[in-house]
């Protein structure tokens, strides 16, 4: 079977309108209160420190890379890396300058020497990759012994709705899977991937995002968005329309709820830390 590539895995190949909509989706997600809450917990686990060299692999529009830049300060360095040239152009246009720099690159084939970074993070990237373990191995390779690797991803199979008839939810799920959307378990697999990569001192958190307003949920859940982002190719417009009509009815009755669990896994690269850089 041909490997399905989500639009985010091939952002530069999309039509101009869809590419702009996908960037807008990244911005909306970054502004969402639930995503900010999850990212704050992940940032505390990664524990960026002044003077460190950090990598944000799959940085998108660069909002977290800029946070990391503020944490490491002028004596540190942050690299924001993304496969998409368009995303990097957007991130670079918003950059405040040093210590953040943006590069295009493949998270599964990084062009950095072994042990180059004090810490790395990757968020909602592995779910789009055909070989996630290869990417984790690369992230671990470029992290120094004693450095930290933080991986964040979504458990789409946890997505649930209240106030919408189960048959409509299951119909939407079946259509999405038939159209090639991954409604998988990337998030809950993170710990196992870090174990296989040889990381130690693992810390794992499950963060459940909860939405009681469809408009707020639409910042994260594509099936709630209207107009700018089309449904996945092959998904029946009627199935999506019926689902969204039921969401609207539930919201009007104050009966709507959606929940989705994201996972954070942080580990330490084994081995004695090297001497401090000068």
C-alpha atoms as a PDB file:
ATOM      1  CA  UNK A   1       0.000   0.000   0.000  1.00  0.00           C
ATOM      2  CA  UNK A   2       1.302   3.467  -0.850  1.00  0.00           C
ATOM      3  CA  UNK A   3       2.301   5.446   2.225  1.00  0.00           C
ATOM      4  CA  UNK A   4      -0.235   8.176   2.908  1.00  0.00           C
ATOM      5  CA  UNK A   5       1.292  11.602   3.384  1.00  0.00           C
ATOM      6  CA  UNK A   6      -0.737  14.094   5.336  1.00  0.00           C
ATOM      7  CA  UNK A   7      -0.722  17.707   4.091  1.00  0.00           C
ATOM      8  CA  UNK A   8       1.552  18.627   7.017  1.00  0.00           C
ATOM      9  CA  UNK A   9       4.106  16.063   5.840  1.00  0.00           C
ATOM     10  CA  UNK A  10       4.206  17.717   2.404  1.00  0.00           C
ATOM     11  CA  UNK A  11       3.307  21.325   3.180  1.00  0.00           C
ATOM     12  CA  UNK A  12       5.322  22.873   0.355  1.00  0.00           C
ATOM     13  CA  UNK A  13       3.527  20.681  -2.204  1.00  0.00           C
ATOM     14  CA  UNK A  14       0.064  22.020  -1.388  1.00  0.00           C
ATOM     15  CA  UNK A  15      -1.861  24.603  -3.378  1.00  0.00           C
ATOM     16  CA  UNK A  16      -1.348  28.176  -2.204  1.00  0.00           C
ATOM     17  CA  UNK A  17      -4.753  28.456  -0.535  1.00  0.00           C
ATOM     18  CA  UNK A  18      -4.407  25.202   1.397  1.00  0.00           C
ATOM     19  CA  UNK A  19      -0.809  25.982   2.361  1.00  0.00           C
ATOM     20  CA  UNK A  20      -1.910  29.332   3.806  1.00  0.00           C
ATOM     21  CA  UNK A  21      -4.781  27.600   5.628  1.00  0.00           C
ATOM     22  CA  UNK A  22      -2.404  25.040   7.143  1.00  0.00           C
ATOM     23  CA  UNK A  23      -0.106  27.796   8.425  1.00  0.00           C
ATOM     24  CA  UNK A  24      -3.180  29.544   9.845  1.00  0.00           C
ATOM     25  CA  UNK A  25      -4.124  26.266  11.556  1.00  0.00           C
ATOM     26  CA  UNK A  26      -0.665  26.095  13.171  1.00  0.00           C
ATOM     27  CA  UNK A  27      -1.117  29.661  14.408  1.00  0.00           C
ATOM     28  CA  UNK A  28      -4.580  28.947  15.782  1.00  0.00           C
ATOM     29  CA  UNK A  29      -3.335  25.829  17.536  1.00  0.00           C
ATOM     30  CA  UNK A  30      -0.435  27.747  19.087  1.00  0.00           C
ATOM     31  CA  UNK A  31      -2.894  30.329  20.447  1.00  0.00           C
ATOM     32  CA  UNK A  32      -5.212  27.734  21.993  1.00  0.00           C
ATOM     33  CA  UNK A  33      -5.300  27.736  25.800  1.00  0.00           C
ATOM     34  CA  UNK A  34      -5.266  23.936  26.060  1.00  0.00           C
ATOM     35  CA  UNK A  35      -2.249  23.613  23.771  1.00  0.00           C
ATOM     36  CA  UNK A  36      -0.480  26.344  25.740  1.00  0.00           C
ATOM     37  CA  UNK A  37      -1.189  24.416  28.952  1.00  0.00           C
ATOM     38  CA  UNK A  38       0.259  21.234  27.449  1.00  0.00           C
ATOM     39  CA  UNK A  39       3.304  23.076  26.124  1.00  0.00           C
ATOM     40  CA  UNK A  40       3.966  24.693  29.484  1.00  0.00           C
ATOM     41  CA  UNK A  41       4.130  21.247  31.096  1.00  0.00           C
ATOM     42  CA  UNK A  42       6.427  19.978  28.334  1.00  0.00           C
ATOM     43  CA  UNK A  43       8.669  23.029  28.682  1.00  0.00           C
ATOM     44  CA  UNK A  44       9.009  22.445  32.421  1.00  0.00           C
ATOM     45  CA  UNK A  45      10.015  18.827  31.780  1.00  0.00           C
ATOM     46  CA  UNK A  46      12.575  19.816  29.133  1.00  0.00           C
ATOM     47  CA  UNK A  47      13.913  22.458  31.546  1.00  0.00           C
ATOM     48  CA  UNK A  48      15.803  24.768  29.142  1.00  0.00           C
ATOM     49  CA  UNK A  49      18.661  26.626  30.824  1.00  0.00           C
ATOM     50  CA  UNK A  50      20.633  29.790  30.080  1.00  0.00           C
ATOM     51  CA  UNK A  51      23.537  29.212  27.720  1.00  0.00           C
ATOM     52  CA  UNK A  52      22.290  25.897  26.323  1.00  0.00           C
ATOM     53  CA  UNK A  53      22.107  24.817  22.678  1.00  0.00           C
ATOM     54  CA  UNK A  54      18.651  23.428  21.852  1.00  0.00           C
ATOM     55  CA  UNK A  55      16.859  21.982  18.816  1.00  0.00           C
ATOM     56  CA  UNK A  56      13.144  22.293  18.028  1.00  0.00           C
ATOM     57  CA  UNK A  57      12.673  19.610  15.364  1.00  0.00           C
ATOM     58  CA  UNK A  58       9.535  20.244  13.340  1.00  0.00           C
ATOM     59  CA  UNK A  59       9.271  23.840  14.525  1.00  0.00           C
ATOM     60  CA  UNK A  60       6.479  24.951  12.190  1.00  0.00           C
ATOM     61  CA  UNK A  61       6.012  28.708  12.489  1.00  0.00           C
ATOM     62  CA  UNK A  62       8.608  28.865  15.274  1.00  0.00           C
ATOM     63  CA  UNK A  63       6.563  29.943  18.288  1.00  0.00           C
ATOM     64  CA  UNK A  64       8.153  27.380  20.658  1.00  0.00           C
ATOM     65  CA  UNK A  65      11.637  27.960  19.236  1.00  0.00           C
ATOM     66  CA  UNK A  66      11.257  31.604  20.213  1.00  0.00           C
ATOM     67  CA  UNK A  67      10.244  30.576  23.737  1.00  0.00           C
ATOM     68  CA  UNK A  68      13.339  28.409  23.937  1.00  0.00           C
ATOM     69  CA  UNK A  69      15.435  31.307  22.700  1.00  0.00           C
ATOM     70  CA  UNK A  70      14.183  33.458  25.548  1.00  0.00           C
ATOM     71  CA  UNK A  71      15.025  30.679  28.011  1.00  0.00           C
ATOM     72  CA  UNK A  72      18.618  30.107  26.837  1.00  0.00           C
ATOM     73  CA  UNK A  73      19.334  33.819  26.494  1.00  0.00           C
ATOM     74  CA  UNK A  74      22.047  35.551  24.473  1.00  0.00           C
ATOM     75  CA  UNK A  75      24.687  33.059  25.586  1.00  0.00           C
ATOM     76  CA  UNK A  76      22.744  30.113  24.147  1.00  0.00           C
ATOM     77  CA  UNK A  77      21.550  28.962  20.752  1.00  0.00           C
ATOM     78  CA  UNK A  78      18.287  27.525  19.438  1.00  0.00           C
ATOM     79  CA  UNK A  79      17.837  25.866  16.060  1.00  0.00           C
ATOM     80  CA  UNK A  80      14.300  25.647  14.700  1.00  0.00           C
ATOM     81  CA  UNK A  81      14.193  22.976  12.004  1.00  0.00           C
ATOM     82  CA  UNK A  82      11.358  22.015   9.688  1.00  0.00           C
ATOM     83  CA  UNK A  83      11.000  20.013   6.486  1.00  0.00           C
ATOM     84  CA  UNK A  84       8.892  22.797   4.975  1.00  0.00           C
ATOM     85  CA  UNK A  85      10.653  25.743   3.363  1.00  0.00           C
ATOM     86  CA  UNK A  86       7.420  27.722   3.599  1.00  0.00           C
ATOM     87  CA  UNK A  87       7.073  27.129   7.337  1.00  0.00           C
ATOM     88  CA  UNK A  88      10.704  28.122   7.881  1.00  0.00           C
ATOM     89  CA  UNK A  89      10.171  31.313   5.851  1.00  0.00           C
ATOM     90  CA  UNK A  90       7.212  32.215   8.079  1.00  0.00           C
ATOM     91  CA  UNK A  91       9.164  31.397  11.248  1.00  0.00           C
ATOM     92  CA  UNK A  92      12.175  33.396  10.107  1.00  0.00           C
ATOM     93  CA  UNK A  93      10.011  36.403   9.252  1.00  0.00           C
ATOM     94  CA  UNK A  94       8.726  36.429  12.835  1.00  0.00           C
ATOM     95  CA  UNK A  95      12.060  35.840  14.504  1.00  0.00           C
ATOM     96  CA  UNK A  96      13.484  38.368  16.904  1.00  0.00           C
ATOM     97  CA  UNK A  97      16.969  37.351  15.804  1.00  0.00           C
ATOM     98  CA  UNK A  98      19.634  35.611  17.876  1.00  0.00           C
ATOM     99  CA  UNK A  99      19.829  33.223  19.595  1.00  0.00           C
ATOM    100  CA  UNK A 100      17.254  31.530  17.299  1.00  0.00           C
ATOM    101  CA  UNK A 101      18.064  30.457  13.757  1.00  0.00           C
ATOM    102  CA  UNK A 102      15.833  28.498  11.390  1.00  0.00           C
ATOM    103  CA  UNK A 103      16.861  25.734   8.979  1.00  0.00           C
ATOM    104  CA  UNK A 104      15.136  23.317   6.629  1.00  0.00           C
ATOM    105  CA  UNK A 105      15.935  19.679   7.248  1.00  0.00           C
ATOM    106  CA  UNK A 106      14.666  16.155   7.769  1.00  0.00           C
ATOM    107  CA  UNK A 107      14.214  15.060  11.381  1.00  0.00           C
ATOM    108  CA  UNK A 108      15.109  11.498  10.334  1.00  0.00           C
ATOM    109  CA  UNK A 109      18.410  12.584   8.715  1.00  0.00           C
ATOM    110  CA  UNK A 110      19.820  15.484  10.712  1.00  0.00           C
ATOM    111  CA  UNK A 111      22.842  17.379   9.448  1.00  0.00           C
ATOM    112  CA  UNK A 112      24.425  17.923  12.874  1.00  0.00           C
ATOM    113  CA  UNK A 113      27.345  16.170  14.574  1.00  0.00           C
ATOM    114  CA  UNK A 114      26.873  13.687  17.400  1.00  0.00           C
ATOM    115  CA  UNK A 115      26.136  15.302  20.756  1.00  0.00           C
ATOM    116  CA  UNK A 116      25.715  18.794  19.302  1.00  0.00           C
ATOM    117  CA  UNK A 117      22.706  19.824  21.411  1.00  0.00           C
ATOM    118  CA  UNK A 118      22.083  20.000  25.139  1.00  0.00           C
ATOM    119  CA  UNK A 119      18.406  19.284  24.581  1.00  0.00           C
ATOM    120  CA  UNK A 120      15.960  18.610  21.745  1.00  0.00           C
ATOM    121  CA  UNK A 121      12.198  18.606  21.407  1.00  0.00           C
ATOM    122  CA  UNK A 122       9.777  17.466  18.745  1.00  0.00           C
ATOM    123  CA  UNK A 123       6.026  18.019  18.820  1.00  0.00           C
ATOM    124  CA  UNK A 124       3.328  16.354  16.701  1.00  0.00           C
ATOM    125  CA  UNK A 125       5.902  15.255  14.120  1.00  0.00           C
ATOM    126  CA  UNK A 126       6.264  11.498  14.635  1.00  0.00           C
ATOM    127  CA  UNK A 127       2.609  10.827  13.760  1.00  0.00           C
ATOM    128  CA  UNK A 128       3.376  11.994  10.203  1.00  0.00           C
ATOM    129  CA  UNK A 129       6.521   9.876   9.685  1.00  0.00           C
ATOM    130  CA  UNK A 130       6.796   6.388   8.166  1.00  0.00           C
ATOM    131  CA  UNK A 131       9.748   5.497  10.479  1.00  0.00           C
ATOM    132  CA  UNK A 132       9.305   7.271  13.833  1.00  0.00           C
ATOM    133  CA  UNK A 133      11.984   5.186  15.572  1.00  0.00           C
ATOM    134  CA  UNK A 134      14.537   6.369  13.041  1.00  0.00           C
ATOM    135  CA  UNK A 135      13.688   9.977  13.863  1.00  0.00           C
ATOM    136  CA  UNK A 136      13.987   9.354  17.619  1.00  0.00           C
ATOM    137  CA  UNK A 137      17.370   7.681  17.065  1.00  0.00           C
ATOM    138  CA  UNK A 138      18.554  10.749  15.136  1.00  0.00           C
ATOM    139  CA  UNK A 139      17.325  13.132  17.814  1.00  0.00           C
ATOM    140  CA  UNK A 140      19.134  11.077  20.442  1.00  0.00           C
ATOM    141  CA  UNK A 141      22.297  10.985  18.322  1.00  0.00           C
ATOM    142  CA  UNK A 142      22.576  14.769  18.117  1.00  0.00           C
ATOM    143  CA  UNK A 143      21.926  15.174  21.867  1.00  0.00           C
ATOM    144  CA  UNK A 144      24.950  15.082  24.165  1.00  0.00           C
ATOM    145  CA  UNK A 145      25.224  12.433  26.897  1.00  0.00           C
ATOM    146  CA  UNK A 146      23.302  13.750  29.860  1.00  0.00           C
ATOM    147  CA  UNK A 147      21.160  15.928  27.587  1.00  0.00           C
ATOM    148  CA  UNK A 148      17.358  15.742  27.360  1.00  0.00           C
ATOM    149  CA  UNK A 149      15.035  14.631  24.591  1.00  0.00           C
ATOM    150  CA  UNK A 150      11.389  15.734  24.780  1.00  0.00           C
ATOM    151  CA  UNK A 151       8.868  14.137  22.414  1.00  0.00           C
ATOM    152  CA  UNK A 152       5.227  15.211  22.257  1.00  0.00           C
ATOM    153  CA  UNK A 153       2.489  13.648  20.192  1.00  0.00           C
ATOM    154  CA  UNK A 154      -1.229  13.086  19.891  1.00  0.00           C
ATOM    155  CA  UNK A 155      -3.234   9.982  20.685  1.00  0.00           C
ATOM    156  CA  UNK A 156      -5.919  10.499  18.073  1.00  0.00           C
ATOM    157  CA  UNK A 157      -7.625   7.243  19.052  1.00  0.00           C
ATOM    158  CA  UNK A 158      -8.512   8.943  22.367  1.00  0.00           C
ATOM    159  CA  UNK A 159     -10.635  11.593  20.642  1.00  0.00           C
ATOM    160  CA  UNK A 160     -14.172  11.537  21.980  1.00  0.00           C
ATOM    161  CA  UNK A 161     -17.307  13.669  21.812  1.00  0.00           C
ATOM    162  CA  UNK A 162     -20.275  14.104  24.134  1.00  0.00           C
ATOM    163  CA  UNK A 163     -23.579  15.466  22.944  1.00  0.00           C
ATOM    164  CA  UNK A 164     -23.176  14.013  19.434  1.00  0.00           C
ATOM    165  CA  UNK A 165     -24.812  10.731  18.483  1.00  0.00           C
ATOM    166  CA  UNK A 166     -22.226   7.902  18.623  1.00  0.00           C
ATOM    167  CA  UNK A 167     -23.223   6.738  15.164  1.00  0.00           C
ATOM    168  CA  UNK A 168     -22.266  10.115  13.707  1.00  0.00           C
ATOM    169  CA  UNK A 169     -18.908  10.069  15.507  1.00  0.00           C
ATOM    170  CA  UNK A 170     -18.162   6.539  14.330  1.00  0.00           C
ATOM    171  CA  UNK A 171     -19.211   7.450  10.796  1.00  0.00           C
ATOM    172  CA  UNK A 172     -16.804  10.369  10.812  1.00  0.00           C
ATOM    173  CA  UNK A 173     -14.011   8.166  12.187  1.00  0.00           C
ATOM    174  CA  UNK A 174     -14.594   5.480   9.550  1.00  0.00           C
ATOM    175  CA  UNK A 175     -14.623   8.047   6.740  1.00  0.00           C
ATOM    176  CA  UNK A 176     -11.431   9.654   8.012  1.00  0.00           C
ATOM    177  CA  UNK A 177      -9.608   6.317   8.232  1.00  0.00           C
ATOM    178  CA  UNK A 178     -10.826   5.290   4.782  1.00  0.00           C
ATOM    179  CA  UNK A 179      -9.545   8.605   3.429  1.00  0.00           C
ATOM    180  CA  UNK A 180      -6.092   7.936   4.884  1.00  0.00           C
ATOM    181  CA  UNK A 181      -6.138  10.038   8.063  1.00  0.00           C
ATOM    182  CA  UNK A 182      -4.057   8.514  10.817  1.00  0.00           C
ATOM    183  CA  UNK A 183      -6.269   8.233  13.887  1.00  0.00           C
ATOM    184  CA  UNK A 184      -3.557   6.319  15.648  1.00  0.00           C
ATOM    185  CA  UNK A 185      -1.723   6.017  18.918  1.00  0.00           C
ATOM    186  CA  UNK A 186       1.473   7.985  18.271  1.00  0.00           C
ATOM    187  CA  UNK A 187       1.296   9.668  21.668  1.00  0.00           C
ATOM    188  CA  UNK A 188       1.109   6.578  23.840  1.00  0.00           C
ATOM    189  CA  UNK A 189       3.942   4.984  21.833  1.00  0.00           C
ATOM    190  CA  UNK A 190       6.467   7.676  22.799  1.00  0.00           C
ATOM    191  CA  UNK A 191       7.766   6.023  25.950  1.00  0.00           C
ATOM    192  CA  UNK A 192       8.480   2.771  24.138  1.00  0.00           C
ATOM    193  CA  UNK A 193      10.308   4.617  21.376  1.00  0.00           C
ATOM    194  CA  UNK A 194      12.549   6.389  23.891  1.00  0.00           C
ATOM    195  CA  UNK A 195      13.245   3.089  25.657  1.00  0.00           C
ATOM    196  CA  UNK A 196      14.255   1.459  22.365  1.00  0.00           C
ATOM    197  CA  UNK A 197      16.539   4.425  21.622  1.00  0.00           C
ATOM    198  CA  UNK A 198      18.372   3.803  24.910  1.00  0.00           C
ATOM    199  CA  UNK A 199      17.243   6.871  26.836  1.00  0.00           C
ATOM    200  CA  UNK A 200      17.119   6.732  30.625  1.00  0.00           C
ATOM    201  CA  UNK A 201      15.405   8.568  33.497  1.00  0.00           C
ATOM    202  CA  UNK A 202      12.149   8.663  31.551  1.00  0.00           C
ATOM    203  CA  UNK A 203       9.284  10.906  32.600  1.00  0.00           C
ATOM    204  CA  UNK A 204       5.906  10.569  30.908  1.00  0.00           C
ATOM    205  CA  UNK A 205       2.811  12.749  31.159  1.00  0.00           C
ATOM    206  CA  UNK A 206      -0.649  12.419  29.631  1.00  0.00           C
ATOM    207  CA  UNK A 207      -2.377  15.769  29.118  1.00  0.00           C
ATOM    208  CA  UNK A 208      -6.041  15.660  28.152  1.00  0.00           C
ATOM    209  CA  UNK A 209      -7.310  18.670  26.229  1.00  0.00           C
ATOM    210  CA  UNK A 210     -10.959  19.453  26.941  1.00  0.00           C
ATOM    211  CA  UNK A 211     -13.230  21.663  24.839  1.00  0.00           C
ATOM    212  CA  UNK A 212     -16.804  22.645  25.663  1.00  0.00           C
ATOM    213  CA  UNK A 213     -17.063  25.221  22.872  1.00  0.00           C
ATOM    214  CA  UNK A 214     -16.800  23.997  19.262  1.00  0.00           C
ATOM    215  CA  UNK A 215     -15.219  27.280  18.161  1.00  0.00           C
ATOM    216  CA  UNK A 216     -12.417  26.822  20.687  1.00  0.00           C
ATOM    217  CA  UNK A 217     -12.092  23.148  19.802  1.00  0.00           C
ATOM    218  CA  UNK A 218     -11.798  24.051  16.120  1.00  0.00           C
ATOM    219  CA  UNK A 219      -8.404  25.604  16.839  1.00  0.00           C
ATOM    220  CA  UNK A 220      -7.099  22.070  17.443  1.00  0.00           C
ATOM    221  CA  UNK A 221      -9.611  19.601  15.956  1.00  0.00           C
ATOM    222  CA  UNK A 222      -9.799  19.902  12.132  1.00  0.00           C
ATOM    223  CA  UNK A 223     -13.202  18.217  11.906  1.00  0.00           C
ATOM    224  CA  UNK A 224     -14.677  21.193  13.773  1.00  0.00           C
ATOM    225  CA  UNK A 225     -13.220  23.805  11.452  1.00  0.00           C
ATOM    226  CA  UNK A 226     -15.396  25.423   8.819  1.00  0.00           C
ATOM    227  CA  UNK A 227     -14.508  26.730   5.390  1.00  0.00           C
ATOM    228  CA  UNK A 228     -10.757  27.238   5.223  1.00  0.00           C
ATOM    229  CA  UNK A 229      -9.555  23.663   5.719  1.00  0.00           C
ATOM    230  CA  UNK A 230     -11.296  21.054   3.558  1.00  0.00           C
ATOM    231  CA  UNK A 231     -11.958  17.575   4.849  1.00  0.00           C
ATOM    232  CA  UNK A 232      -9.473  14.858   3.953  1.00  0.00           C
ATOM    233  CA  UNK A 233      -9.601  13.708   0.309  1.00  0.00           C
ATOM    234  CA  UNK A 234     -12.193  11.006  -0.067  1.00  0.00           C
ATOM    235  CA  UNK A 235     -14.247  11.978   2.982  1.00  0.00           C
ATOM    236  CA  UNK A 236     -17.922  12.344   2.210  1.00  0.00           C
ATOM    237  CA  UNK A 237     -19.037  15.995   2.525  1.00  0.00           C
ATOM    238  CA  UNK A 238     -22.403  14.688   3.705  1.00  0.00           C
ATOM    239  CA  UNK A 239     -20.860  12.741   6.614  1.00  0.00           C
ATOM    240  CA  UNK A 240     -18.880  15.801   7.683  1.00  0.00           C
ATOM    241  CA  UNK A 241     -21.897  18.104   7.313  1.00  0.00           C
ATOM    242  CA  UNK A 242     -24.129  15.780   9.374  1.00  0.00           C
ATOM    243  CA  UNK A 243     -21.487  15.596  12.103  1.00  0.00           C
ATOM    244  CA  UNK A 244     -21.045  19.376  12.205  1.00  0.00           C
ATOM    245  CA  UNK A 245     -24.806  19.942  12.314  1.00  0.00           C
ATOM    246  CA  UNK A 246     -24.999  17.648  15.342  1.00  0.00           C
ATOM    247  CA  UNK A 247     -22.122  19.569  16.949  1.00  0.00           C
ATOM    248  CA  UNK A 248     -24.000  22.841  16.412  1.00  0.00           C
ATOM    249  CA  UNK A 249     -27.151  21.377  17.977  1.00  0.00           C
ATOM    250  CA  UNK A 250     -25.194  20.107  20.981  1.00  0.00           C
ATOM    251  CA  UNK A 251     -23.531  23.486  21.442  1.00  0.00           C
ATOM    252  CA  UNK A 252     -26.890  25.269  21.298  1.00  0.00           C
ATOM    253  CA  UNK A 253     -28.130  22.982  24.098  1.00  0.00           C
ATOM    254  CA  UNK A 254     -24.892  23.473  26.081  1.00  0.00           C
ATOM    255  CA  UNK A 255     -24.317  19.713  25.772  1.00  0.00           C
ATOM    256  CA  UNK A 256     -21.119  19.685  23.691  1.00  0.00           C
ATOM    257  CA  UNK A 257     -17.817  18.320  24.942  1.00  0.00           C
ATOM    258  CA  UNK A 258     -14.737  17.057  23.104  1.00  0.00           C
ATOM    259  CA  UNK A 259     -11.573  15.614  24.621  1.00  0.00           C
ATOM    260  CA  UNK A 260      -8.236  14.534  23.199  1.00  0.00           C
ATOM    261  CA  UNK A 261      -5.156  13.215  25.006  1.00  0.00           C
ATOM    262  CA  UNK A 262      -1.635  14.285  24.134  1.00  0.00           C
ATOM    263  CA  UNK A 263       1.475  12.617  25.578  1.00  0.00           C
ATOM    264  CA  UNK A 264       4.816  14.051  26.637  1.00  0.00           C
ATOM    265  CA  UNK A 265       7.838  11.789  27.077  1.00  0.00           C
ATOM    266  CA  UNK A 266      11.204  13.118  28.228  1.00  0.00           C
ATOM    267  CA  UNK A 267      14.356  11.069  28.607  1.00  0.00           C
ATOM    268  CA  UNK A 268      18.067  11.575  29.199  1.00  0.00           C
ATOM    269  CA  UNK A 269      20.711  10.410  26.738  1.00  0.00           C
ATOM    270  CA  UNK A 270      22.844   7.831  28.521  1.00  0.00           C
ATOM    271  CA  UNK A 271      26.527   8.358  29.220  1.00  0.00           C
ATOM    272  CA  UNK A 272      28.659  10.775  31.213  1.00  0.00           C
ATOM    273  CA  UNK A 273      28.124  14.428  30.283  1.00  0.00           C
ATOM    274  CA  UNK A 274      31.029  16.002  28.406  1.00  0.00           C
ATOM    275  CA  UNK A 275      33.080  18.853  29.786  1.00  0.00           C
ATOM    276  CA  UNK A 276      31.329  22.208  29.674  1.00  0.00           C
ATOM    277  CA  UNK A 277      31.640  24.068  26.363  1.00  0.00           C
ATOM    278  CA  UNK A 278      33.872  27.110  26.340  1.00  0.00           C
END
